[in-house]
Amino acid sequence: KNTTTEIKGINYYPQATPWNLYGDDFDENIISKDFNIIKEAGLNSIRIFVPYDDFGRANLNSEKLKKLKTVLDIAENQQLKVVVTLFDFYGDYEVLNWTLNQHHAINIVTALKDHKALLAWDIKNEPNLDFESRRKIKVTAWAKQMVTSVKSVDTIHPVTIGWSNTESATILKDHLDFVSFHYYEDLDALETAYKTLKTDIPNKPLVITEF
């Protein structure tokens, strides 16, 4: 289990290449400097995102994986913990693709699960935003399946899903190790929303991962 008592983190994108961290402009020096700034600011963790297509889907791109590992190595050097979000820029959820999706998740988890910098797995960023276009029942079933896949490979690190709001945060709560949600609404209403969630989910840690 993780010994960090209080997680204070930031979502990390490099300034010059925000949506292409693992591309041709991958720069260890920039990342190292950024992580040092984060550490100096009194934070102890980062959340990063793995683009699904970019990483080769089921056939993991070894060059990209190497860069992802390097990010974790740099984080470890700066004493930062890392939350890895496994599916970024993915929105299909069709059962026909589940096997490919599972391969993607299992390959990444297998490669990183013993890394000292790893804090947790986030299955996907805001999958509830796809409820309307892809149907809630399908998205939820997909997410549950991916949680199971990750846990089949890594029994140590906690798993969560980055829901976009408090309304969706109770979904799959019994399958997640901690519940994370984003909050972009009126700050005056946050305390009440948080307390309501605490009542609905009394036995799991709650984390706000974007606000």
Protein backbone atom coordinates (compact mmCIF):
# COMPACT_ATOMS: atom_id res chain seq x y z
CA LYS A 1 0.00 0.00 0.00
CA ASN A 2 1.07 3.55 -0.61
CA THR A 3 2.66 5.31 2.33
CA THR A 4 2.12 8.86 1.11
CA THR A 5 -0.31 10.38 3.58
CA GLU A 6 -1.44 13.35 1.54
CA ILE A 7 -1.47 13.44 -2.22
CA LYS A 8 -0.99 16.93 -3.66
CA GLY A 9 -0.50 16.80 -7.37
CA ILE A 10 -0.90 18.38 -10.76
CA ASN A 11 -1.92 17.17 -14.22
CA TYR A 12 1.23 17.34 -16.32
CA TYR A 13 1.61 18.40 -19.94
CA PRO A 14 4.81 19.96 -21.28
CA GLN A 15 4.15 23.58 -22.30
CA ALA A 16 5.51 23.34 -25.85
CA THR A 17 4.01 19.94 -26.76
CA PRO A 18 0.94 19.51 -24.55
CA TRP A 19 -0.82 16.81 -26.58
CA ASN A 20 2.32 15.10 -27.83
CA LEU A 21 4.49 14.35 -24.81
CA TYR A 22 5.90 11.15 -26.35
CA GLY A 23 6.54 12.53 -29.85
CA ASP A 24 9.72 13.57 -31.68
CA ASP A 25 10.20 16.60 -29.46
CA PHE A 26 10.39 14.48 -26.29
CA ASP A 27 12.93 16.27 -24.11
CA GLU A 28 14.19 14.82 -20.83
CA ASN A 29 15.72 18.15 -19.80
CA ILE A 30 12.44 20.04 -20.13
CA ILE A 31 10.55 17.34 -18.22
CA SER A 32 13.20 17.28 -15.50
CA LYS A 33 13.06 21.07 -15.11
CA ASP A 34 9.26 20.99 -15.05
CA PHE A 35 9.23 18.26 -12.41
CA ASN A 36 11.69 20.24 -10.33
CA ILE A 37 9.34 23.26 -10.46
CA ILE A 38 6.46 20.99 -9.39
CA LYS A 39 8.51 19.59 -6.49
CA GLU A 40 9.67 23.07 -5.42
CA ALA A 41 6.04 24.19 -5.40
CA GLY A 42 5.38 21.69 -2.61
CA LEU A 43 3.56 19.11 -4.70
CA ASN A 44 4.36 15.41 -4.54
CA SER A 45 2.64 13.82 -7.53
CA ILE A 46 1.63 14.20 -11.17
CA ARG A 47 -1.09 12.73 -13.36
CA ILE A 48 -0.17 11.87 -16.95
CA PHE A 49 -2.05 10.48 -19.95
CA VAL A 50 -1.32 7.67 -22.42
CA PRO A 51 -2.79 8.35 -25.90
CA TYR A 52 -4.31 5.07 -27.10
CA ASP A 53 -3.81 5.25 -30.89
CA ASP A 54 -0.45 6.97 -30.56
CA PHE A 55 0.86 4.10 -28.43
CA GLY A 56 -0.10 1.52 -31.04
CA ARG A 57 -3.32 0.26 -29.43
CA ALA A 58 -2.87 -3.47 -28.77
CA ASN A 59 0.59 -3.55 -30.39
CA LEU A 60 2.44 -1.36 -27.97
CA ASN A 61 4.97 0.98 -29.60
CA SER A 62 8.23 0.16 -27.79
CA GLU A 63 9.71 3.60 -28.52
CA LYS A 64 6.73 5.35 -26.89
CA LEU A 65 6.79 2.95 -23.96
CA LYS A 66 10.46 3.75 -23.41
CA LYS A 67 9.60 7.46 -23.23
CA LEU A 68 6.77 6.77 -20.80
CA LYS A 69 9.18 4.83 -18.57
CA THR A 70 11.65 7.71 -18.79
CA VAL A 71 8.95 10.11 -17.53
CA LEU A 72 8.52 7.85 -14.49
CA ASP A 73 12.29 7.65 -14.02
CA ILE A 74 12.55 11.45 -14.00
CA ALA A 75 9.63 11.63 -11.56
CA GLU A 76 11.40 9.19 -9.26
CA ASN A 77 14.55 11.32 -9.37
CA GLN A 78 12.48 14.32 -8.29
CA GLN A 79 10.64 12.24 -5.66
CA LEU A 80 7.29 12.64 -7.40
CA LYS A 81 4.66 9.91 -7.59
CA VAL A 82 2.77 9.29 -10.84
CA VAL A 83 -0.86 8.55 -11.66
CA VAL A 84 -0.96 7.01 -15.13
CA THR A 85 -4.20 7.48 -17.12
CA LEU A 86 -4.33 4.52 -19.50
CA PHE A 87 -6.79 5.55 -22.22
CA ASP A 88 -6.49 9.05 -23.63
CA PHE A 89 -8.09 10.06 -26.93
CA TYR A 90 -10.19 6.91 -26.96
CA GLY A 91 -13.96 6.88 -27.26
CA ASP A 92 -15.16 3.73 -28.98
CA TYR A 93 -16.09 1.17 -26.25
CA GLU A 94 -17.40 -1.40 -28.77
CA VAL A 95 -17.20 -4.93 -27.39
CA LEU A 96 -15.38 -6.00 -30.57
CA ASN A 97 -12.47 -3.80 -29.50
CA TRP A 98 -12.35 -4.88 -25.87
CA THR A 99 -9.64 -7.47 -26.54
CA LEU A 100 -7.44 -4.83 -28.19
CA ASN A 101 -8.16 -2.41 -25.34
CA GLN A 102 -7.25 -5.04 -22.75
CA HIS A 103 -3.98 -5.80 -24.55
CA HIS A 104 -3.12 -2.09 -24.48
CA ALA A 105 -3.88 -1.77 -20.76
CA ILE A 106 -2.21 -5.04 -19.76
CA ASN A 107 0.95 -4.26 -21.77
CA ILE A 108 1.39 -0.87 -20.12
CA VAL A 109 0.54 -2.08 -16.63
CA THR A 110 2.91 -5.04 -16.97
CA ALA A 111 5.72 -2.73 -18.09
CA LEU A 112 5.27 -0.18 -15.29
CA LYS A 113 3.76 -1.99 -12.31
CA ASP A 114 7.09 -2.45 -10.52
CA HIS A 115 8.22 1.14 -11.03
CA LYS A 116 8.93 2.91 -7.75
CA ALA A 117 7.36 6.17 -8.97
CA LEU A 118 4.00 4.62 -9.78
CA LEU A 119 1.18 5.79 -7.51
CA ALA A 120 -2.03 4.62 -9.19
CA TRP A 121 -3.85 3.78 -12.42
CA ASP A 122 -6.60 6.00 -13.80
CA ILE A 123 -8.53 4.00 -16.41
CA LYS A 124 -9.77 6.92 -18.46
CA ASN A 125 -10.23 10.66 -18.29
CA GLU A 126 -13.92 11.63 -18.04
CA PRO A 127 -15.57 8.60 -19.71
CA ASN A 128 -18.97 9.85 -18.53
CA LEU A 129 -18.77 12.61 -21.15
CA ASP A 130 -19.34 9.81 -23.68
CA PHE A 131 -22.52 8.50 -22.00
CA GLU A 132 -24.81 10.32 -24.41
CA SER A 133 -23.01 9.49 -27.65
CA ARG A 134 -21.92 5.94 -26.75
CA ARG A 135 -24.58 4.91 -24.22
CA LYS A 136 -23.95 4.85 -20.49
CA ILE A 137 -24.45 1.10 -20.12
CA LYS A 138 -21.75 0.38 -22.73
CA VAL A 139 -19.20 2.88 -21.37
CA THR A 140 -19.71 1.61 -17.82
CA ALA A 141 -19.37 -2.03 -18.85
CA TRP A 142 -16.18 -1.18 -20.74
CA ALA A 143 -14.72 0.69 -17.77
CA LYS A 144 -15.52 -2.17 -15.40
CA GLN A 145 -13.83 -4.63 -17.76
CA MET A 146 -10.70 -2.48 -17.96
CA VAL A 147 -10.53 -2.19 -14.15
CA THR A 148 -10.67 -5.99 -13.96
CA SER A 149 -7.92 -6.31 -16.59
CA VAL A 150 -5.60 -3.90 -14.77
CA LYS A 151 -6.17 -5.61 -11.43
CA SER A 152 -5.47 -9.01 -12.98
CA VAL A 153 -1.90 -7.84 -13.66
CA ASP A 154 -1.25 -5.42 -10.79
CA THR A 155 -2.65 -6.30 -7.37
CA ILE A 156 -0.66 -3.60 -5.57
CA HIS A 157 -1.46 -0.20 -7.04
CA PRO A 158 -4.90 1.38 -6.62
CA VAL A 159 -7.19 1.92 -9.61
CA THR A 160 -9.58 4.82 -10.23
CA ILE A 161 -11.54 6.55 -13.00
CA GLY A 162 -11.42 10.32 -13.53
CA TRP A 163 -15.12 11.16 -13.65
CA SER A 164 -15.89 14.67 -14.89
CA ASN A 165 -18.29 15.55 -12.06
CA THR A 166 -19.63 14.47 -8.67
CA GLU A 167 -22.87 13.14 -10.21
CA SER A 168 -21.03 10.27 -11.92
CA ALA A 169 -18.55 9.65 -9.11
CA THR A 170 -20.54 6.86 -7.47
CA ILE A 171 -20.48 4.73 -10.65
CA LEU A 172 -18.44 1.54 -10.18
CA LYS A 173 -17.47 2.74 -6.71
CA ASP A 174 -17.31 -0.84 -5.40
CA HIS A 175 -14.80 -1.77 -8.11
CA LEU A 176 -12.44 1.18 -7.60
CA ASP A 177 -9.82 1.59 -4.87
CA PHE A 178 -10.37 5.31 -4.62
CA VAL A 179 -12.91 7.57 -6.27
CA SER A 180 -11.70 10.55 -8.27
CA PHE A 181 -13.73 13.30 -9.84
CA HIS A 182 -13.25 16.67 -11.48
CA TYR A 183 -14.95 19.82 -10.32
CA TYR A 184 -15.64 22.73 -12.67
CA GLU A 185 -18.87 23.95 -11.08
CA ASP A 186 -19.61 26.65 -8.52
CA LEU A 187 -17.02 26.42 -5.75
CA ASP A 188 -19.62 27.43 -3.16
CA ALA A 189 -21.41 24.15 -3.83
CA LEU A 190 -18.30 21.97 -3.56
CA GLU A 191 -18.44 21.30 0.18
CA THR A 192 -22.03 20.06 0.01
CA ALA A 193 -21.30 17.94 -3.07
CA TYR A 194 -18.24 16.48 -1.36
CA LYS A 195 -20.12 15.68 1.85
CA THR A 196 -22.90 14.00 -0.13
CA LEU A 197 -20.32 11.86 -1.91
CA LYS A 198 -18.68 11.00 1.41
CA THR A 199 -22.07 9.74 2.62
CA ASP A 200 -22.59 7.69 -0.54
CA ILE A 201 -19.02 6.36 -0.49
CA PRO A 202 -17.99 6.23 3.17
CA ASN A 203 -15.22 3.63 2.87
CA LYS A 204 -13.10 4.89 -0.05
CA PRO A 205 -10.75 7.85 -0.36
CA LEU A 206 -12.09 10.71 -2.51
CA VAL A 207 -9.71 12.68 -4.71
CA ILE A 208 -10.34 15.76 -6.84
CA THR A 209 -8.02 15.35 -9.83
CA GLU A 210 -9.04 18.44 -11.83
CA PHE A 211 -10.63 21.71 -10.81
